[in-house]
Every structure is written in structure tokens, then in C-alpha cells.
């Protein structure tokens, strides 16, 4: 793994990790009143496109980071729809 890829993986890990507190809070409280449904719909779709882009340019860090983000953002989106 090159140093450039390592930087990409670390940046992606930290970016994805930034979603974890929101996921945990949403899970514990079942409260999503302050979360924008429209924003998370667009965010999930854009994250899917980032994964496709990562695949097309053969970038492991882009695919891995956005894959993790997609899982957490989708969880928040589902909770938003379920618990309005």
C-alpha cells in the first residue's frame, strides 16, 4: 500500500467514523426530529455515486470509506423514515 493510499484510508476512516455518534444517538433515542429527510436521501444517493466512482478509478480508499458511510447513512435514513 502506498503512502497516498494510506492517507486516503485514514481520511476515509475518520470521515466514516464521524457518523458513528449520530448513529448511536439515533439508535438509543429513536429521535430523528432534527434530521433532514431530504438531506439524507440526497446523501445516500451521492454516496452510492462515490462508490461507483471509486470502482471506476479503482480506488480502494474511496470505495471503503463510502461503503462504511453508506451503511451508517442508510441506517439513519431508515430510522428517520421509521420514527419521523
N, C-alpha and C. Protein backbone atom coordinates (compact mmCIF):
# COMPACT_ATOMS: atom_id res chain seq x y z
N UNK A 1 0.86 -1.18 0.00
CA UNK A 1 0.00 0.00 0.00
C UNK A 1 0.90 1.24 0.00
N UNK A 2 0.58 2.16 -0.86
CA UNK A 2 1.37 3.38 -0.95
C UNK A 2 0.99 4.35 0.18
N UNK A 3 1.83 5.32 0.40
CA UNK A 3 1.54 6.35 1.40
C UNK A 3 0.30 7.15 1.02
N UNK A 4 0.11 7.34 -0.27
CA UNK A 4 -1.08 8.07 -0.73
C UNK A 4 -2.34 7.30 -0.39
N UNK A 5 -2.33 5.99 -0.64
CA UNK A 5 -3.49 5.17 -0.29
C UNK A 5 -3.71 5.15 1.22
N UNK A 6 -2.64 5.10 1.98
CA UNK A 6 -2.76 5.11 3.44
C UNK A 6 -3.44 6.39 3.91
N UNK A 7 -3.03 7.51 3.36
CA UNK A 7 -3.68 8.78 3.70
C UNK A 7 -5.17 8.71 3.35
N UNK A 8 -5.49 8.15 2.20
CA UNK A 8 -6.88 8.01 1.79
C UNK A 8 -7.68 7.13 2.74
N UNK A 9 -7.11 6.00 3.16
CA UNK A 9 -7.80 5.11 4.09
C UNK A 9 -8.00 5.77 5.46
N UNK A 10 -6.99 6.48 5.96
CA UNK A 10 -7.11 7.16 7.25
C UNK A 10 -8.17 8.26 7.16
N UNK A 11 -8.13 9.06 6.11
CA UNK A 11 -9.13 10.11 5.93
C UNK A 11 -10.53 9.52 5.83
N UNK A 12 -10.67 8.45 5.07
CA UNK A 12 -11.97 7.80 4.92
C UNK A 12 -12.47 7.21 6.23
N UNK A 13 -11.57 6.60 6.99
CA UNK A 13 -11.94 6.03 8.29
C UNK A 13 -12.44 7.12 9.23
N UNK A 14 -11.72 8.24 9.27
CA UNK A 14 -12.13 9.33 10.15
C UNK A 14 -13.45 9.95 9.69
N UNK A 15 -13.62 10.12 8.39
CA UNK A 15 -14.87 10.67 7.87
C UNK A 15 -16.04 9.75 8.19
N UNK A 16 -15.86 8.46 7.93
CA UNK A 16 -16.92 7.49 8.23
C UNK A 16 -17.20 7.46 9.73
N UNK A 17 -16.16 7.51 10.53
CA UNK A 17 -16.33 7.48 11.97
C UNK A 17 -17.10 8.66 12.52
N UNK A 18 -17.09 9.76 11.79
CA UNK A 18 -17.83 10.93 12.26
C UNK A 18 -19.34 10.69 12.29
N UNK A 19 -19.80 9.69 11.57
CA UNK A 19 -21.23 9.36 11.58
C UNK A 19 -21.62 8.52 12.79
N UNK A 20 -20.66 7.86 13.40
CA UNK A 20 -20.96 6.93 14.48
C UNK A 20 -21.71 7.56 15.65
N UNK A 21 -21.33 8.73 16.15
CA UNK A 21 -22.11 9.32 17.26
C UNK A 21 -23.58 9.55 16.90
N UNK A 22 -23.85 9.97 15.66
CA UNK A 22 -25.24 10.19 15.26
C UNK A 22 -25.99 8.87 15.17
N UNK A 23 -25.34 7.85 14.65
CA UNK A 23 -25.97 6.52 14.56
C UNK A 23 -26.31 6.03 15.97
N UNK A 24 -25.37 6.12 16.88
CA UNK A 24 -25.61 5.65 18.25
C UNK A 24 -26.71 6.44 18.95
N UNK A 25 -26.70 7.75 18.78
CA UNK A 25 -27.74 8.58 19.40
C UNK A 25 -29.11 8.26 18.82
N UNK A 26 -29.17 8.09 17.51
CA UNK A 26 -30.44 7.77 16.86
C UNK A 26 -30.94 6.40 17.33
N UNK A 27 -30.04 5.45 17.45
CA UNK A 27 -30.41 4.11 17.90
C UNK A 27 -30.95 4.16 19.33
N UNK A 28 -30.26 4.89 20.22
CA UNK A 28 -30.66 4.94 21.63
C UNK A 28 -31.96 5.70 21.85
N UNK A 29 -32.10 6.85 21.18
CA UNK A 29 -33.25 7.71 21.47
C UNK A 29 -34.43 7.52 20.55
N UNK A 30 -34.19 6.92 19.40
CA UNK A 30 -35.22 6.79 18.36
C UNK A 30 -35.76 8.15 17.94
N UNK A 31 -35.00 9.20 18.21
CA UNK A 31 -35.42 10.56 17.85
C UNK A 31 -34.68 11.00 16.59
N UNK A 32 -35.45 11.39 15.60
CA UNK A 32 -34.87 11.88 14.35
C UNK A 32 -35.50 13.21 13.94
N UNK A 33 -36.14 13.88 14.88
CA UNK A 33 -36.88 15.10 14.54
C UNK A 33 -35.98 16.19 13.98
N UNK A 34 -34.72 16.24 14.37
CA UNK A 34 -33.83 17.29 13.90
C UNK A 34 -32.98 16.87 12.71
N UNK A 35 -33.29 15.72 12.14
CA UNK A 35 -32.54 15.22 10.98
C UNK A 35 -33.37 15.47 9.73
N UNK A 36 -32.74 16.02 8.72
CA UNK A 36 -33.43 16.34 7.47
C UNK A 36 -33.57 15.09 6.60
N UNK A 37 -34.80 14.72 6.29
CA UNK A 37 -35.06 13.57 5.43
C UNK A 37 -34.49 13.82 4.04
N UNK A 38 -34.75 15.00 3.47
CA UNK A 38 -34.25 15.32 2.14
C UNK A 38 -32.74 15.25 2.05
N UNK A 39 -32.07 15.77 3.06
CA UNK A 39 -30.61 15.76 3.06
C UNK A 39 -30.08 14.33 3.05
N UNK A 40 -30.67 13.45 3.87
CA UNK A 40 -30.16 12.08 3.94
C UNK A 40 -30.51 11.28 2.69
N UNK A 41 -31.62 11.56 2.04
CA UNK A 41 -31.93 10.90 0.77
C UNK A 41 -30.87 11.26 -0.26
N UNK A 42 -30.58 12.55 -0.38
CA UNK A 42 -29.56 13.00 -1.33
C UNK A 42 -28.19 12.46 -0.94
N UNK A 43 -27.88 12.45 0.36
CA UNK A 43 -26.58 11.99 0.82
C UNK A 43 -26.36 10.51 0.51
N UNK A 44 -27.37 9.68 0.74
CA UNK A 44 -27.25 8.25 0.45
C UNK A 44 -27.03 8.05 -1.05
N UNK A 45 -27.79 8.76 -1.88
CA UNK A 45 -27.63 8.63 -3.32
C UNK A 45 -26.24 9.09 -3.77
N UNK A 46 -25.78 10.21 -3.23
CA UNK A 46 -24.45 10.70 -3.62
C UNK A 46 -23.35 9.76 -3.15
N UNK A 47 -23.53 9.14 -2.01
CA UNK A 47 -22.55 8.17 -1.52
C UNK A 47 -22.48 6.95 -2.44
N UNK A 48 -23.63 6.52 -2.93
CA UNK A 48 -23.64 5.43 -3.92
C UNK A 48 -22.83 5.81 -5.15
N UNK A 49 -23.00 7.05 -5.60
CA UNK A 49 -22.24 7.51 -6.76
C UNK A 49 -20.74 7.57 -6.46
N UNK A 50 -20.35 7.95 -5.24
CA UNK A 50 -18.93 7.94 -4.87
C UNK A 50 -18.36 6.53 -4.91
N UNK A 51 -19.16 5.55 -4.51
CA UNK A 51 -18.70 4.15 -4.56
C UNK A 51 -18.48 3.73 -6.01
N UNK A 52 -19.42 4.08 -6.88
CA UNK A 52 -19.27 3.79 -8.31
C UNK A 52 -18.02 4.47 -8.86
N UNK A 53 -17.83 5.72 -8.51
CA UNK A 53 -16.64 6.47 -8.94
C UNK A 53 -15.37 5.77 -8.45
N UNK A 54 -15.35 5.39 -7.19
CA UNK A 54 -14.19 4.69 -6.64
C UNK A 54 -13.90 3.40 -7.39
N UNK A 55 -14.95 2.69 -7.75
CA UNK A 55 -14.79 1.47 -8.53
C UNK A 55 -14.19 1.78 -9.91
N UNK A 56 -14.72 2.81 -10.54
CA UNK A 56 -14.27 3.15 -11.89
C UNK A 56 -12.81 3.60 -11.92
N UNK A 57 -12.35 4.27 -10.87
CA UNK A 57 -10.96 4.70 -10.84
C UNK A 57 -10.09 3.71 -10.05
N UNK A 58 -10.70 2.61 -9.63
CA UNK A 58 -10.01 1.54 -8.89
C UNK A 58 -9.33 2.07 -7.63
N UNK A 59 -10.11 2.80 -6.83
CA UNK A 59 -9.60 3.38 -5.59
C UNK A 59 -10.22 2.70 -4.37
N UNK A 60 -9.41 1.87 -3.73
CA UNK A 60 -9.86 1.19 -2.52
C UNK A 60 -10.30 2.14 -1.42
N UNK A 61 -9.51 3.20 -1.15
CA UNK A 61 -9.93 4.12 -0.09
C UNK A 61 -11.28 4.78 -0.36
N UNK A 62 -11.53 5.18 -1.59
CA UNK A 62 -12.80 5.83 -1.92
C UNK A 62 -13.95 4.84 -1.73
N UNK A 63 -13.78 3.61 -2.20
CA UNK A 63 -14.85 2.62 -2.07
C UNK A 63 -15.07 2.21 -0.61
N UNK A 64 -14.00 1.98 0.13
CA UNK A 64 -14.12 1.54 1.52
C UNK A 64 -14.76 2.62 2.39
N UNK A 65 -14.27 3.84 2.28
CA UNK A 65 -14.82 4.92 3.11
C UNK A 65 -16.29 5.15 2.80
N UNK A 66 -16.61 5.22 1.52
CA UNK A 66 -18.00 5.48 1.16
C UNK A 66 -18.90 4.29 1.43
N UNK A 67 -18.36 3.08 1.39
CA UNK A 67 -19.14 1.91 1.77
C UNK A 67 -19.55 1.97 3.24
N UNK A 68 -18.58 2.33 4.09
CA UNK A 68 -18.89 2.47 5.52
C UNK A 68 -19.88 3.60 5.77
N UNK A 69 -19.67 4.71 5.09
CA UNK A 69 -20.58 5.85 5.24
C UNK A 69 -21.97 5.48 4.75
N UNK A 70 -22.04 4.74 3.65
CA UNK A 70 -23.35 4.34 3.11
C UNK A 70 -24.14 3.51 4.12
N UNK A 71 -23.47 2.59 4.79
CA UNK A 71 -24.14 1.75 5.79
C UNK A 71 -24.73 2.63 6.90
N UNK A 72 -23.92 3.54 7.42
CA UNK A 72 -24.39 4.37 8.54
C UNK A 72 -25.43 5.39 8.09
N UNK A 73 -25.24 6.01 6.95
CA UNK A 73 -26.22 6.99 6.46
C UNK A 73 -27.54 6.31 6.12
N UNK A 74 -27.48 5.10 5.58
CA UNK A 74 -28.71 4.36 5.29
C UNK A 74 -29.44 4.00 6.57
N UNK A 75 -28.68 3.61 7.61
CA UNK A 75 -29.30 3.32 8.90
C UNK A 75 -30.04 4.55 9.42
N UNK A 76 -29.39 5.71 9.38
CA UNK A 76 -30.02 6.94 9.85
C UNK A 76 -31.25 7.26 9.01
N UNK A 77 -31.16 7.08 7.70
CA UNK A 77 -32.29 7.34 6.82
C UNK A 77 -33.47 6.42 7.15
N UNK A 78 -33.19 5.15 7.37
CA UNK A 78 -34.26 4.20 7.73
C UNK A 78 -34.89 4.60 9.06
N UNK A 79 -34.06 4.97 10.03
CA UNK A 79 -34.60 5.39 11.32
C UNK A 79 -35.44 6.67 11.16
N UNK A 80 -35.01 7.57 10.29
CA UNK A 80 -35.78 8.80 10.05
C UNK A 80 -37.14 8.47 9.47
N UNK A 81 -37.19 7.57 8.53
CA UNK A 81 -38.46 7.18 7.92
C UNK A 81 -39.34 6.43 8.94
N UNK A 82 -38.72 5.58 9.73
CA UNK A 82 -39.47 4.76 10.69
C UNK A 82 -40.00 5.57 11.87
N UNK A 83 -39.20 6.48 12.40
CA UNK A 83 -39.55 7.19 13.63
C UNK A 83 -39.94 8.65 13.45
N UNK A 84 -40.05 9.11 12.23
CA UNK A 84 -40.42 10.50 11.92
C UNK A 84 -40.44 11.32 13.16
